[in-house]
Amino acid sequence: MSAILRMFFLILYHCLLIRDRTLLYKASRILPIATVYAVWTGIGAVDNILVGVFTFKEPTAFRRIFFLFVLIASIIRLKFGSRH
């Protein structure tokens, strides 16, 4: 990988990191921090699974996909189940 491409991905990574932390901070001002952190962590777990499957060709067994959907449903329930 060329140095320019590495620099591009490094800058992109830091921009996305700043965006994520800013959104986490804004969400924690409205919702309870436990809900915000659980949703943020769950979304990160789903992202990691999808990157592993599509980028690194990890196996996609039925149980893995099933529990991925359970995780997504739990994240949605946490987000919309909050009273704030």
PDB file of N, CA and C in Angstrom:
ATOM      1  N   MET A   1       0.847  -1.167   0.000  1.00  0.00           N
ATOM      2  CA  MET A   1       0.000   0.000   0.000  1.00  0.00           C
ATOM      3  C   MET A   1       0.898   1.237   0.000  1.00  0.00           C
ATOM      4  N   SER A   2       0.538   2.196  -0.809  1.00  0.00           N
ATOM      5  CA  SER A   2       1.380   3.387  -0.918  1.00  0.00           C
ATOM      6  C   SER A   2       1.214   4.274   0.307  1.00  0.00           C
ATOM      7  N   ALA A   3       2.163   5.157   0.482  1.00  0.00           N
ATOM      8  CA  ALA A   3       2.156   6.055   1.633  1.00  0.00           C
ATOM      9  C   ALA A   3       0.970   7.016   1.577  1.00  0.00           C
ATOM     10  N   ILE A   4       0.608   7.446   0.386  1.00  0.00           N
ATOM     11  CA  ILE A   4      -0.529   8.364   0.239  1.00  0.00           C
ATOM     12  C   ILE A   4      -1.831   7.673   0.639  1.00  0.00           C
ATOM     13  N   LEU A   5      -1.998   6.423   0.227  1.00  0.00           N
ATOM     14  CA  LEU A   5      -3.200   5.672   0.577  1.00  0.00           C
ATOM     15  C   LEU A   5      -3.268   5.417   2.084  1.00  0.00           C
ATOM     16  N   ARG A   6      -2.131   5.109   2.682  1.00  0.00           N
ATOM     17  CA  ARG A   6      -2.091   4.929   4.141  1.00  0.00           C
ATOM     18  C   ARG A   6      -2.473   6.215   4.861  1.00  0.00           C
ATOM     19  N   MET A   7      -1.950   7.323   4.377  1.00  0.00           N
ATOM     20  CA  MET A   7      -2.273   8.619   4.989  1.00  0.00           C
ATOM     21  C   MET A   7      -3.763   8.922   4.838  1.00  0.00           C
ATOM     22  N   PHE A   8      -4.334   8.612   3.687  1.00  0.00           N
ATOM     23  CA  PHE A   8      -5.764   8.815   3.462  1.00  0.00           C
ATOM     24  C   PHE A   8      -6.581   8.023   4.478  1.00  0.00           C
ATOM     25  N   PHE A   9      -6.265   6.733   4.662  1.00  0.00           N
ATOM     26  CA  PHE A   9      -7.013   5.901   5.602  1.00  0.00           C
ATOM     27  C   PHE A   9      -6.801   6.359   7.046  1.00  0.00           C
ATOM     28  N   LEU A  10      -5.620   6.842   7.362  1.00  0.00           N
ATOM     29  CA  LEU A  10      -5.352   7.351   8.696  1.00  0.00           C
ATOM     30  C   LEU A  10      -6.195   8.596   8.979  1.00  0.00           C
ATOM     31  N   ILE A  11      -6.243   9.506   8.029  1.00  0.00           N
ATOM     32  CA  ILE A  11      -7.057  10.715   8.186  1.00  0.00           C
ATOM     33  C   ILE A  11      -8.540  10.352   8.251  1.00  0.00           C
ATOM     34  N   LEU A  12      -8.980   9.446   7.390  1.00  0.00           N
ATOM     35  CA  LEU A  12     -10.367   9.001   7.406  1.00  0.00           C
ATOM     36  C   LEU A  12     -10.723   8.370   8.751  1.00  0.00           C
ATOM     37  N   TYR A  13      -9.835   7.535   9.263  1.00  0.00           N
ATOM     38  CA  TYR A  13     -10.060   6.894  10.563  1.00  0.00           C
ATOM     39  C   TYR A  13     -10.258   7.930  11.660  1.00  0.00           C
ATOM     40  N   HIS A  14      -9.391   8.926  11.706  1.00  0.00           N
ATOM     41  CA  HIS A  14      -9.476   9.932  12.759  1.00  0.00           C
ATOM     42  C   HIS A  14     -10.717  10.812  12.595  1.00  0.00           C
ATOM     43  N   CYS A  15     -11.095  11.123  11.380  1.00  0.00           N
ATOM     44  CA  CYS A  15     -12.325  11.894  11.162  1.00  0.00           C
ATOM     45  C   CYS A  15     -13.545  11.113  11.642  1.00  0.00           C
ATOM     46  N   LEU A  16     -13.594   9.832  11.317  1.00  0.00           N
ATOM     47  CA  LEU A  16     -14.720   9.007  11.754  1.00  0.00           C
ATOM     48  C   LEU A  16     -14.709   8.817  13.269  1.00  0.00           C
ATOM     49  N   LEU A  17     -13.530   8.715  13.850  1.00  0.00           N
ATOM     50  CA  LEU A  17     -13.425   8.583  15.302  1.00  0.00           C
ATOM     51  C   LEU A  17     -13.952   9.832  16.000  1.00  0.00           C
ATOM     52  N   ILE A  18     -13.581  10.990  15.507  1.00  0.00           N
ATOM     53  CA  ILE A  18     -14.078  12.246  16.076  1.00  0.00           C
ATOM     54  C   ILE A  18     -15.584  12.346  15.907  1.00  0.00           C
ATOM     55  N   ARG A  19     -16.092  11.967  14.746  1.00  0.00           N
ATOM     56  CA  ARG A  19     -17.538  11.986  14.510  1.00  0.00           C
ATOM     57  C   ARG A  19     -18.259  11.057  15.481  1.00  0.00           C
ATOM     58  N   ASP A  20     -17.747   9.844  15.651  1.00  0.00           N
ATOM     59  CA  ASP A  20     -18.383   8.883  16.543  1.00  0.00           C
ATOM     60  C   ASP A  20     -18.395   9.370  17.982  1.00  0.00           C
ATOM     61  N   ARG A  21     -17.287   9.895  18.447  1.00  0.00           N
ATOM     62  CA  ARG A  21     -17.222  10.375  19.828  1.00  0.00           C
ATOM     63  C   ARG A  21     -18.130  11.594  20.030  1.00  0.00           C
ATOM     64  N   THR A  22     -18.233  12.448  19.019  1.00  0.00           N
ATOM     65  CA  THR A  22     -19.121  13.603  19.115  1.00  0.00           C
ATOM     66  C   THR A  22     -20.575  13.158  19.199  1.00  0.00           C
ATOM     67  N   LEU A  23     -20.952  12.197  18.362  1.00  0.00           N
ATOM     68  CA  LEU A  23     -22.324  11.691  18.401  1.00  0.00           C
ATOM     69  C   LEU A  23     -22.610  10.962  19.705  1.00  0.00           C
ATOM     70  N   LEU A  24     -21.631  10.241  20.228  1.00  0.00           N
ATOM     71  CA  LEU A  24     -21.790   9.574  21.516  1.00  0.00           C
ATOM     72  C   LEU A  24     -22.024  10.606  22.616  1.00  0.00           C
ATOM     73  N   TYR A  25     -21.272  11.680  22.595  1.00  0.00           N
ATOM     74  CA  TYR A  25     -21.428  12.735  23.588  1.00  0.00           C
ATOM     75  C   TYR A  25     -22.807  13.388  23.486  1.00  0.00           C
ATOM     76  N   LYS A  26     -23.239  13.699  22.260  1.00  0.00           N
ATOM     77  CA  LYS A  26     -24.550  14.332  22.079  1.00  0.00           C
ATOM     78  C   LYS A  26     -25.682  13.410  22.522  1.00  0.00           C
ATOM     79  N   ALA A  27     -25.566  12.134  22.221  1.00  0.00           N
ATOM     80  CA  ALA A  27     -26.603  11.185  22.625  1.00  0.00           C
ATOM     81  C   ALA A  27     -26.646  11.044  24.143  1.00  0.00           C
ATOM     82  N   SER A  28     -25.484  11.114  24.800  1.00  0.00           N
ATOM     83  CA  SER A  28     -25.456  10.954  26.254  1.00  0.00           C
ATOM     84  C   SER A  28     -26.050  12.157  26.976  1.00  0.00           C
ATOM     85  N   ARG A  29     -26.213  13.262  26.293  1.00  0.00           N
ATOM     86  CA  ARG A  29     -26.854  14.424  26.899  1.00  0.00           C
ATOM     87  C   ARG A  29     -28.367  14.272  26.911  1.00  0.00           C
ATOM     88  N   ILE A  30     -28.904  13.388  26.054  1.00  0.00           N
ATOM     89  CA  ILE A  30     -30.356  13.211  25.937  1.00  0.00           C
ATOM     90  C   ILE A  30     -30.811  11.921  26.606  1.00  0.00           C
ATOM     91  N   LEU A  31     -30.088  10.843  26.368  1.00  0.00           N
ATOM     92  CA  LEU A  31     -30.463   9.520  26.859  1.00  0.00           C
ATOM     93  C   LEU A  31     -29.577   9.124  28.041  1.00  0.00           C
ATOM     94  N   PRO A  32     -30.018   8.136  28.827  1.00  0.00           N
ATOM     95  CA  PRO A  32     -29.166   7.636  29.909  1.00  0.00           C
ATOM     96  C   PRO A  32     -27.872   7.044  29.340  1.00  0.00           C
ATOM     97  N   ILE A  33     -26.776   7.259  30.028  1.00  0.00           N
ATOM     98  CA  ILE A  33     -25.467   6.838  29.517  1.00  0.00           C
ATOM     99  C   ILE A  33     -25.395   5.327  29.331  1.00  0.00           C
ATOM    100  N   ALA A  34     -26.068   4.557  30.173  1.00  0.00           N
ATOM    101  CA  ALA A  34     -26.045   3.095  30.028  1.00  0.00           C
ATOM    102  C   ALA A  34     -26.677   2.680  28.705  1.00  0.00           C
ATOM    103  N   THR A  35     -27.773   3.311  28.337  1.00  0.00           N
ATOM    104  CA  THR A  35     -28.427   3.004  27.057  1.00  0.00           C
ATOM    105  C   THR A  35     -27.557   3.422  25.895  1.00  0.00           C
ATOM    106  N   VAL A  36     -26.993   4.611  25.982  1.00  0.00           N
ATOM    107  CA  VAL A  36     -26.138   5.126  24.899  1.00  0.00           C
ATOM    108  C   VAL A  36     -24.939   4.211  24.691  1.00  0.00           C
ATOM    109  N   TYR A  37     -24.285   3.818  25.775  1.00  0.00           N
ATOM    110  CA  TYR A  37     -23.093   2.989  25.651  1.00  0.00           C
ATOM    111  C   TYR A  37     -23.437   1.599  25.126  1.00  0.00           C
ATOM    112  N   ALA A  38     -24.550   1.032  25.581  1.00  0.00           N
ATOM    113  CA  ALA A  38     -24.962  -0.287  25.097  1.00  0.00           C
ATOM    114  C   ALA A  38     -25.263  -0.257  23.604  1.00  0.00           C
ATOM    115  N   VAL A  39     -25.951   0.769  23.159  1.00  0.00           N
ATOM    116  CA  VAL A  39     -26.257   0.896  21.726  1.00  0.00           C
ATOM    117  C   VAL A  39     -24.975   1.109  20.937  1.00  0.00           C
ATOM    118  N   TRP A  40     -24.093   1.971  21.413  1.00  0.00           N
ATOM    119  CA  TRP A  40     -22.835   2.263  20.719  1.00  0.00           C
ATOM    120  C   TRP A  40     -21.967   1.015  20.612  1.00  0.00           C
ATOM    121  N   THR A  41     -21.875   0.264  21.704  1.00  0.00           N
ATOM    122  CA  THR A  41     -21.084  -0.958  21.705  1.00  0.00           C
ATOM    123  C   THR A  41     -21.701  -2.017  20.796  1.00  0.00           C
ATOM    124  N   GLY A  42     -23.023  -2.135  20.833  1.00  0.00           N
ATOM    125  CA  GLY A  42     -23.713  -3.102  19.976  1.00  0.00           C
ATOM    126  C   GLY A  42     -23.529  -2.799  18.500  1.00  0.00           C
ATOM    127  N   ILE A  43     -23.627  -1.537  18.146  1.00  0.00           N
ATOM    128  CA  ILE A  43     -23.418  -1.161  16.746  1.00  0.00           C
ATOM    129  C   ILE A  43     -21.982  -1.473  16.321  1.00  0.00           C
ATOM    130  N   GLY A  44     -21.020  -1.234  17.208  1.00  0.00           N
ATOM    131  CA  GLY A  44     -19.627  -1.572  16.904  1.00  0.00           C
ATOM    132  C   GLY A  44     -19.439  -3.068  16.714  1.00  0.00           C
ATOM    133  N   ALA A  45     -20.119  -3.873  17.527  1.00  0.00           N
ATOM    134  CA  ALA A  45     -20.022  -5.328  17.384  1.00  0.00           C
ATOM    135  C   ALA A  45     -20.606  -5.786  16.057  1.00  0.00           C
ATOM    136  N   VAL A  46     -21.753  -5.226  15.679  1.00  0.00           N
ATOM    137  CA  VAL A  46     -22.363  -5.574  14.394  1.00  0.00           C
ATOM    138  C   VAL A  46     -21.446  -5.172  13.246  1.00  0.00           C
ATOM    139  N   ASP A  47     -20.869  -3.984  13.323  1.00  0.00           N
ATOM    140  CA  ASP A  47     -19.931  -3.531  12.286  1.00  0.00           C
ATOM    141  C   ASP A  47     -18.744  -4.480  12.154  1.00  0.00           C
ATOM    142  N   ASN A  48     -18.188  -4.905  13.284  1.00  0.00           N
ATOM    143  CA  ASN A  48     -17.046  -5.815  13.245  1.00  0.00           C
ATOM    144  C   ASN A  48     -17.413  -7.158  12.625  1.00  0.00           C
ATOM    145  N   ILE A  49     -18.573  -7.666  12.937  1.00  0.00           N
ATOM    146  CA  ILE A  49     -19.011  -8.938  12.348  1.00  0.00           C
ATOM    147  C   ILE A  49     -19.173  -8.792  10.842  1.00  0.00           C
ATOM    148  N   LEU A  50     -19.811  -7.709  10.403  1.00  0.00           N
ATOM    149  CA  LEU A  50     -20.032  -7.511   8.966  1.00  0.00           C
ATOM    150  C   LEU A  50     -18.713  -7.306   8.217  1.00  0.00           C
ATOM    151  N   VAL A  51     -17.783  -6.575   8.808  1.00  0.00           N
ATOM    152  CA  VAL A  51     -16.473  -6.406   8.166  1.00  0.00           C
ATOM    153  C   VAL A  51     -15.767  -7.749   8.072  1.00  0.00           C
ATOM    154  N   GLY A  52     -15.834  -8.551   9.120  1.00  0.00           N
ATOM    155  CA  GLY A  52     -15.211  -9.872   9.097  1.00  0.00           C
ATOM    156  C   GLY A  52     -15.794 -10.772   8.027  1.00  0.00           C
ATOM    157  N   VAL A  53     -17.114 -10.733   7.879  1.00  0.00           N
ATOM    158  CA  VAL A  53     -17.768 -11.597   6.892  1.00  0.00           C
ATOM    159  C   VAL A  53     -17.472 -11.136   5.475  1.00  0.00           C
ATOM    160  N   PHE A  54     -17.614  -9.839   5.220  1.00  0.00           N
ATOM    161  CA  PHE A  54     -17.485  -9.354   3.845  1.00  0.00           C
ATOM    162  C   PHE A  54     -16.043  -9.080   3.421  1.00  0.00           C
ATOM    163  N   THR A  55     -15.179  -8.713   4.351  1.00  0.00           N
ATOM    164  CA  THR A  55     -13.806  -8.391   3.988  1.00  0.00           C
ATOM    165  C   THR A  55     -12.873  -9.579   4.144  1.00  0.00           C
ATOM    166  N   PHE A  56     -13.003 -10.284   5.260  1.00  0.00           N
ATOM    167  CA  PHE A  56     -12.074 -11.371   5.560  1.00  0.00           C
ATOM    168  C   PHE A  56     -12.659 -12.753   5.311  1.00  0.00           C
ATOM    169  N   LYS A  57     -13.845 -12.795   4.719  1.00  0.00           N
ATOM    170  CA  LYS A  57     -14.497 -14.061   4.320  1.00  0.00           C
ATOM    171  C   LYS A  57     -14.641 -15.033   5.503  1.00  0.00           C
ATOM    172  N   GLU A  58     -15.024 -14.504   6.667  1.00  0.00           N
ATOM    173  CA  GLU A  58     -15.275 -15.364   7.816  1.00  0.00           C
ATOM    174  C   GLU A  58     -16.550 -16.168   7.576  1.00  0.00           C
ATOM    175  N   PRO A  59     -16.680 -17.318   8.228  1.00  0.00           N
ATOM    176  CA  PRO A  59     -17.856 -18.168   7.981  1.00  0.00           C
ATOM    177  C   PRO A  59     -19.145 -17.515   8.469  1.00  0.00           C
ATOM    178  N   THR A  60     -20.233 -17.847   7.787  1.00  0.00           N
ATOM    179  CA  THR A  60     -21.551 -17.309   8.145  1.00  0.00           C
ATOM    180  C   THR A  60     -22.493 -18.459   8.471  1.00  0.00           C
ATOM    181  N   ALA A  61     -22.298 -19.064   9.601  1.00  0.00           N
ATOM    182  CA  ALA A  61     -23.160 -20.150  10.046  1.00  0.00           C
ATOM    183  C   ALA A  61     -24.521 -19.579  10.447  1.00  0.00           C
ATOM    184  N   PHE A  62     -25.527 -20.437  10.430  1.00  0.00           N
ATOM    185  CA  PHE A  62     -26.882 -20.010  10.773  1.00  0.00           C
ATOM    186  C   PHE A  62     -26.928 -19.401  12.174  1.00  0.00           C
ATOM    187  N   ARG A  63     -26.279 -20.036  13.139  1.00  0.00           N
ATOM    188  CA  ARG A  63     -26.306 -19.543  14.521  1.00  0.00           C
ATOM    189  C   ARG A  63     -25.684 -18.150  14.621  1.00  0.00           C
ATOM    190  N   ARG A  64     -24.636 -17.931  13.884  1.00  0.00           N
ATOM    191  CA  ARG A  64     -23.974 -16.624  13.928  1.00  0.00           C
ATOM    192  C   ARG A  64     -24.886 -15.533  13.367  1.00  0.00           C
ATOM    193  N   ILE A  65     -25.530 -15.804  12.240  1.00  0.00           N
ATOM    194  CA  ILE A  65     -26.451 -14.839  11.632  1.00  0.00           C
ATOM    195  C   ILE A  65     -27.669 -14.632  12.534  1.00  0.00           C
ATOM    196  N   PHE A  66     -28.176 -15.715  13.114  1.00  0.00           N
ATOM    197  CA  PHE A  66     -29.334 -15.620  14.000  1.00  0.00           C
ATOM    198  C   PHE A  66     -29.030 -14.708  15.179  1.00  0.00           C
ATOM    199  N   PHE A  67     -27.895 -14.907  15.835  1.00  0.00           N
ATOM    200  CA  PHE A  67     -27.559 -14.082  16.990  1.00  0.00           C
ATOM    201  C   PHE A  67     -27.170 -12.660  16.590  1.00  0.00           C
ATOM    202  N   LEU A  68     -26.714 -12.469  15.376  1.00  0.00           N
ATOM    203  CA  LEU A  68     -26.489 -11.119  14.873  1.00  0.00           C
ATOM    204  C   LEU A  68     -27.819 -10.369  14.803  1.00  0.00           C
ATOM    205  N   PHE A  69     -28.855 -11.037  14.292  1.00  0.00           N
ATOM    206  CA  PHE A  69     -30.175 -10.412  14.235  1.00  0.00           C
ATOM    207  C   PHE A  69     -30.748 -10.199  15.631  1.00  0.00           C
ATOM    208  N   VAL A  70     -30.482 -11.100  16.558  1.00  0.00           N
ATOM    209  CA  VAL A  70     -30.920 -10.907  17.943  1.00  0.00           C
ATOM    210  C   VAL A  70     -30.233  -9.668  18.529  1.00  0.00           C
ATOM    211  N   LEU A  71     -28.949  -9.494  18.253  1.00  0.00           N
ATOM    212  CA  LEU A  71     -28.211  -8.332  18.734  1.00  0.00           C
ATOM    213  C   LEU A  71     -28.791  -7.047  18.145  1.00  0.00           C
ATOM    214  N   ILE A  72     -29.076  -7.052  16.852  1.00  0.00           N
ATOM    215  CA  ILE A  72     -29.653  -5.870  16.207  1.00  0.00           C
ATOM    216  C   ILE A  72     -31.020  -5.553  16.805  1.00  0.00           C
ATOM    217  N   ALA A  73     -31.839  -6.583  17.015  1.00  0.00           N
ATOM    218  CA  ALA A  73     -33.162  -6.371  17.615  1.00  0.00           C
ATOM    219  C   ALA A  73     -33.032  -5.814  19.034  1.00  0.00           C
ATOM    220  N   SER A  74     -32.044  -6.279  19.772  1.00  0.00           N
ATOM    221  CA  SER A  74     -31.825  -5.783  21.132  1.00  0.00           C
ATOM    222  C   SER A  74     -31.393  -4.321  21.121  1.00  0.00           C
ATOM    223  N   ILE A  75     -30.555  -3.948  20.175  1.00  0.00           N
ATOM    224  CA  ILE A  75     -30.122  -2.550  20.052  1.00  0.00           C
ATOM    225  C   ILE A  75     -31.321  -1.666  19.741  1.00  0.00           C
ATOM    226  N   ILE A  76     -32.155  -2.103  18.822  1.00  0.00           N
ATOM    227  CA  ILE A  76     -33.350  -1.327  18.468  1.00  0.00           C
ATOM    228  C   ILE A  76     -34.269  -1.202  19.673  1.00  0.00           C
ATOM    229  N   ARG A  77     -34.439  -2.292  20.401  1.00  0.00           N
ATOM    230  CA  ARG A  77     -35.305  -2.266  21.587  1.00  0.00           C
ATOM    231  C   ARG A  77     -34.747  -1.315  22.647  1.00  0.00           C
ATOM    232  N   LEU A  78     -33.449  -1.310  22.850  1.00  0.00           N
ATOM    233  CA  LEU A  78     -32.853  -0.385  23.816  1.00  0.00           C
ATOM    234  C   LEU A  78     -33.064   1.066  23.401  1.00  0.00           C
ATOM    235  N   LYS A  79     -32.877   1.324  22.112  1.00  0.00           N
ATOM    236  CA  LYS A  79     -32.997   2.691  21.630  1.00  0.00           C
ATOM    237  C   LYS A  79     -34.419   3.196  21.745  1.00  0.00           C
ATOM    238  N   PHE A  80     -35.381   2.425  21.309  1.00  0.00           N
ATOM    239  CA  PHE A  80     -36.763   2.896  21.308  1.00  0.00           C
ATOM    240  C   PHE A  80     -37.499   2.594  22.604  1.00  0.00           C
ATOM    241  N   GLY A  81     -36.896   1.806  23.465  1.00  0.00           N
ATOM    242  CA  GLY A  81     -37.522   1.500  24.743  1.00  0.00           C
ATOM    243  C   GLY A  81     -37.222   2.504  25.824  1.00  0.00           C
ATOM    244  N   SER A  82     -36.323   3.432  25.542  1.00  0.00           N
ATOM    245  CA  SER A  82     -35.952   4.437  26.522  1.00  0.00           C
ATOM    246  C   SER A  82     -37.077   5.474  26.646  1.00  0.00           C
ATOM    247  N   ARG A  83     -37.280   5.979  27.843  1.00  0.00           N
ATOM    248  CA  ARG A  83     -38.356   6.950  28.079  1.00  0.00           C
ATOM    249  C   ARG A  83     -37.959   8.367  27.729  1.00  0.00           C
ATOM    250  N   HIS A  84     -36.721   8.611  27.358  1.00  0.00           N
ATOM    251  CA  HIS A  84     -36.271   9.969  27.045  1.00  0.00           C
ATOM    252  C   HIS A  84     -36.460  10.264  25.591  1.00  0.00           C
TER     253      HIS A  84
END
